């Protein structure tokens, strides 16, 4: 019953405009997050899922129509492969001080996402810490072609899960996609429409998959 009331409140405050809307949303959400700093701006149309797994630093701007999803995925009866180095718990979304999550971006933290200080996740960008794969990465002898649909039977799905870690002063360019297990080092800029898939990147570099 309490969860239904919370969902109703969130739907009512989601589209209140201007400084009044920002104030109302901050006053509500700061008590729902796992932890919350100061000066958090949450614009109209922002959607949160599993607030209790989200930790916010100070001076954060979550821009219009961004989607932030947290909470660990249920491994029961699931085939999956863990990718990359595990630094934080699955399901946790940690956003450090000075971060801008731009309009129409998506951060999905079922496999754990940590965003460092002074980072922008640019408009239209997507960060996924859990995704599907077409084959069984644990068993090369398994020749089955797995489904991409989350609505398929569990036995017909194979998942990849892994922390996504974005270092301090990094940048995720417009319409980029960051996949499970990826680590973006400190000061590294990801170019427009790039795809990052667990590639080893250098600190303070510029990376573009469009080269």
Protein backbone atom coordinates (compact mmCIF):
# COMPACT_ATOMS: atom_id res chain seq x y z
CA UNK A 1 0.00 0.00 0.00
CA UNK A 2 2.81 2.40 0.92
CA UNK A 3 4.57 1.74 -2.40
CA UNK A 4 1.38 2.52 -4.31
CA UNK A 5 1.06 5.82 -2.43
CA UNK A 6 4.67 6.69 -3.26
CA UNK A 7 4.10 5.97 -6.95
CA UNK A 8 1.04 8.20 -6.90
CA UNK A 9 2.98 11.04 -5.27
CA UNK A 10 5.80 10.68 -7.81
CA UNK A 11 3.37 10.79 -10.72
CA UNK A 12 1.79 13.97 -9.30
CA UNK A 13 5.06 15.84 -8.75
CA UNK A 14 6.92 14.63 -11.86
CA UNK A 15 5.71 17.36 -14.20
CA UNK A 16 5.46 20.40 -11.90
CA UNK A 17 7.42 23.10 -13.73
CA UNK A 18 9.98 25.69 -12.74
CA UNK A 19 11.74 26.29 -9.43
CA UNK A 20 8.65 25.21 -7.48
CA UNK A 21 8.73 21.78 -9.14
CA UNK A 22 12.44 21.37 -8.48
CA UNK A 23 11.96 22.27 -4.82
CA UNK A 24 9.03 19.92 -4.34
CA UNK A 25 10.85 17.02 -6.01
CA UNK A 26 14.01 17.55 -3.98
CA UNK A 27 12.07 17.66 -0.69
CA UNK A 28 10.34 14.40 -1.60
CA UNK A 29 13.16 12.41 -3.19
CA UNK A 30 15.91 13.29 -0.70
CA UNK A 31 14.17 11.06 1.87
CA UNK A 32 13.69 8.20 -0.61
CA UNK A 33 17.30 7.88 -1.83
CA UNK A 34 19.81 5.67 -0.03
CA UNK A 35 21.78 8.87 0.57
CA UNK A 36 21.41 12.41 -0.74
CA UNK A 37 23.63 15.50 -0.70
CA UNK A 38 22.84 19.17 -1.16
CA UNK A 39 21.71 21.21 -4.15
CA UNK A 40 20.04 18.45 -6.16
CA UNK A 41 18.04 19.71 -9.17
CA UNK A 42 15.50 17.26 -10.57
CA UNK A 43 13.73 18.58 -13.66
CA UNK A 44 10.35 17.73 -15.15
CA UNK A 45 9.70 14.27 -16.50
CA UNK A 46 12.53 12.49 -14.67
CA UNK A 47 11.72 8.85 -13.90
CA UNK A 48 13.32 6.90 -11.02
CA UNK A 49 13.04 3.18 -10.26
CA UNK A 50 14.25 1.64 -6.96
CA UNK A 51 15.22 4.87 -5.21
CA UNK A 52 16.57 3.07 -2.13
CA UNK A 53 19.57 1.85 -4.15
CA UNK A 54 20.57 5.36 -5.32
CA UNK A 55 23.24 7.51 -3.65
CA UNK A 56 23.63 11.17 -4.65
CA UNK A 57 26.47 13.57 -3.84
CA UNK A 58 26.20 17.38 -3.92
CA UNK A 59 25.45 19.74 -6.83
CA UNK A 60 23.75 17.26 -9.15
CA UNK A 61 21.41 18.13 -12.02
CA UNK A 62 19.12 15.42 -13.36
CA UNK A 63 17.74 17.02 -16.50
CA UNK A 64 14.38 16.69 -18.25
CA UNK A 65 13.03 13.22 -19.08
CA UNK A 66 16.10 11.33 -17.87
CA UNK A 67 15.52 7.75 -16.66
CA UNK A 68 17.48 6.33 -13.71
CA UNK A 69 16.96 2.66 -12.83
CA UNK A 70 18.60 0.79 -9.95
CA UNK A 71 18.17 -2.40 -7.92
CA UNK A 72 19.89 -5.78 -8.42
CA UNK A 73 18.50 -8.21 -10.96
CA UNK A 74 17.08 -11.53 -9.82
CA UNK A 75 19.55 -14.31 -10.68
CA UNK A 76 17.11 -17.13 -9.91
CA UNK A 77 16.90 -19.55 -12.85
CA UNK A 78 19.00 -17.14 -14.94
CA UNK A 79 21.95 -17.88 -17.19
CA UNK A 80 24.41 -15.01 -17.01
CA UNK A 81 28.04 -13.98 -17.36
CA UNK A 82 29.72 -11.42 -15.09
CA UNK A 83 31.90 -9.01 -17.04
CA UNK A 84 34.63 -6.67 -15.82
CA UNK A 85 35.79 -5.91 -12.28
CA UNK A 86 33.24 -5.72 -9.47
CA UNK A 87 33.84 -2.55 -7.46
CA UNK A 88 30.32 -1.89 -6.16
CA UNK A 89 27.31 -4.05 -5.41
CA UNK A 90 24.93 -5.04 -8.18
CA UNK A 91 21.96 -2.72 -8.23
CA UNK A 92 23.69 0.29 -6.68
CA UNK A 93 23.65 3.62 -8.52
CA UNK A 94 26.23 6.05 -7.13
CA UNK A 95 26.33 9.58 -8.56
CA UNK A 96 29.14 11.74 -7.23
CA UNK A 97 29.36 15.51 -6.77
CA UNK A 98 29.07 17.86 -9.74
CA UNK A 99 27.31 15.47 -12.15
CA UNK A 100 24.86 16.44 -14.92
CA UNK A 101 22.55 13.74 -16.26
CA UNK A 102 21.32 15.40 -19.45
CA UNK A 103 17.86 15.21 -21.11
CA UNK A 104 16.58 11.89 -22.47
CA UNK A 105 19.54 9.93 -21.13
CA UNK A 106 19.21 6.57 -19.37
CA UNK A 107 21.27 4.99 -16.60
CA UNK A 108 20.40 1.37 -15.83
CA UNK A 109 22.23 0.12 -12.73
CA UNK A 110 21.02 -3.46 -12.27
CA UNK A 111 24.67 -4.52 -12.46
CA UNK A 112 25.96 -1.48 -10.51
CA UNK A 113 26.90 1.96 -11.89
CA UNK A 114 29.24 4.51 -10.32
CA UNK A 115 29.63 7.97 -11.88
CA UNK A 116 32.59 10.03 -10.69
CA UNK A 117 32.85 13.73 -9.93
CA UNK A 118 32.24 16.47 -12.51
CA UNK A 119 30.85 14.18 -15.22
CA UNK A 120 28.14 14.84 -17.79
CA UNK A 121 26.09 12.02 -19.26
CA UNK A 122 25.09 13.85 -22.45
CA UNK A 123 21.63 13.91 -24.03
CA UNK A 124 20.40 10.64 -25.46
CA UNK A 125 23.23 8.59 -23.94
CA UNK A 126 22.59 5.18 -22.41
CA UNK A 127 24.51 3.32 -19.70
CA UNK A 128 23.63 -0.36 -19.28
CA UNK A 129 25.08 -2.60 -16.59
CA UNK A 130 22.82 -5.53 -17.54
CA UNK A 131 22.03 -6.67 -21.06
CA UNK A 132 21.31 -9.71 -23.22
CA UNK A 133 23.64 -11.78 -25.36
CA UNK A 134 22.86 -14.08 -28.24
CA UNK A 135 25.06 -16.94 -27.01
CA UNK A 136 26.10 -18.67 -23.78
CA UNK A 137 29.45 -17.15 -22.82
CA UNK A 138 29.97 -19.73 -20.08
CA UNK A 139 29.65 -22.76 -22.37
CA UNK A 140 31.17 -22.49 -25.88
CA UNK A 141 29.76 -25.92 -26.70
CA UNK A 142 26.24 -24.53 -26.26
CA UNK A 143 25.21 -23.64 -29.83
CA UNK A 144 21.79 -22.30 -28.89
CA UNK A 145 20.84 -18.88 -30.23
CA UNK A 146 19.38 -16.94 -27.28
CA UNK A 147 16.59 -14.38 -27.39
CA UNK A 148 17.02 -10.63 -26.95
CA UNK A 149 13.53 -10.22 -25.53
CA UNK A 150 13.04 -9.76 -21.78
CA UNK A 151 9.60 -11.28 -22.30
CA UNK A 152 11.00 -14.57 -23.59
CA UNK A 153 11.15 -17.59 -21.30
CA UNK A 154 14.07 -17.43 -18.86
CA UNK A 155 15.67 -20.53 -20.38
CA UNK A 156 15.75 -18.73 -23.74
CA UNK A 157 17.67 -15.73 -22.39
CA UNK A 158 21.36 -15.21 -21.60
CA UNK A 159 22.45 -12.10 -19.70
CA UNK A 160 25.64 -10.10 -19.28
CA UNK A 161 26.05 -8.21 -16.00
CA UNK A 162 28.89 -5.99 -14.83
CA UNK A 163 29.73 -2.77 -13.04
CA UNK A 164 30.04 0.36 -15.15
CA UNK A 165 32.53 2.78 -13.58
CA UNK A 166 32.91 6.32 -14.93
CA UNK A 167 35.92 8.17 -13.51
CA UNK A 168 36.15 11.75 -12.29
CA UNK A 169 36.12 14.50 -14.93
CA UNK A 170 35.13 12.07 -17.68
CA UNK A 171 32.44 12.76 -20.28
CA UNK A 172 29.92 10.61 -22.12
CA UNK A 173 29.15 12.22 -25.51
CA UNK A 174 25.77 12.67 -27.16
CA UNK A 175 23.85 9.48 -27.99
CA UNK A 176 26.65 7.21 -26.80
CA UNK A 177 26.10 3.72 -25.38
CA UNK A 178 28.14 2.24 -22.52
CA UNK A 179 27.72 -1.52 -22.02
CA UNK A 180 28.13 -3.84 -19.00
CA UNK A 181 31.59 -4.22 -17.49
CA UNK A 182 32.94 -1.01 -19.03
CA UNK A 183 35.32 1.28 -17.15
CA UNK A 184 35.89 4.85 -18.34
CA UNK A 185 39.03 6.24 -16.69
CA UNK A 186 39.49 9.63 -15.10
CA UNK A 187 39.48 12.51 -17.56
CA UNK A 188 38.52 10.38 -20.57
CA UNK A 189 35.99 11.81 -23.01
CA UNK A 190 33.74 9.47 -24.99
CA UNK A 191 32.89 10.99 -28.38
CA UNK A 192 29.47 11.52 -29.91
CA UNK A 193 27.56 8.32 -30.84
CA UNK A 194 30.28 6.04 -29.52
CA UNK A 195 29.86 2.52 -28.16
CA UNK A 196 31.99 1.42 -25.20
CA UNK A 197 32.06 -2.32 -24.59
CA UNK A 198 34.64 -3.17 -21.93
CA UNK A 199 37.41 -1.69 -24.09
CA UNK A 200 40.65 -0.80 -22.25
CA UNK A 201 40.86 2.99 -22.34
CA UNK A 202 43.61 5.36 -21.25
CA UNK A 203 43.15 8.10 -18.66
CA UNK A 204 42.76 11.65 -19.98
CA UNK A 205 42.19 10.44 -23.53
CA UNK A 206 39.50 10.98 -26.17
CA UNK A 207 37.77 7.87 -27.51
CA UNK A 208 35.41 7.59 -30.45
CA UNK A 209 34.11 4.39 -32.04
CA UNK A 210 33.33 6.41 -35.19
CA UNK A 211 37.01 6.65 -36.16
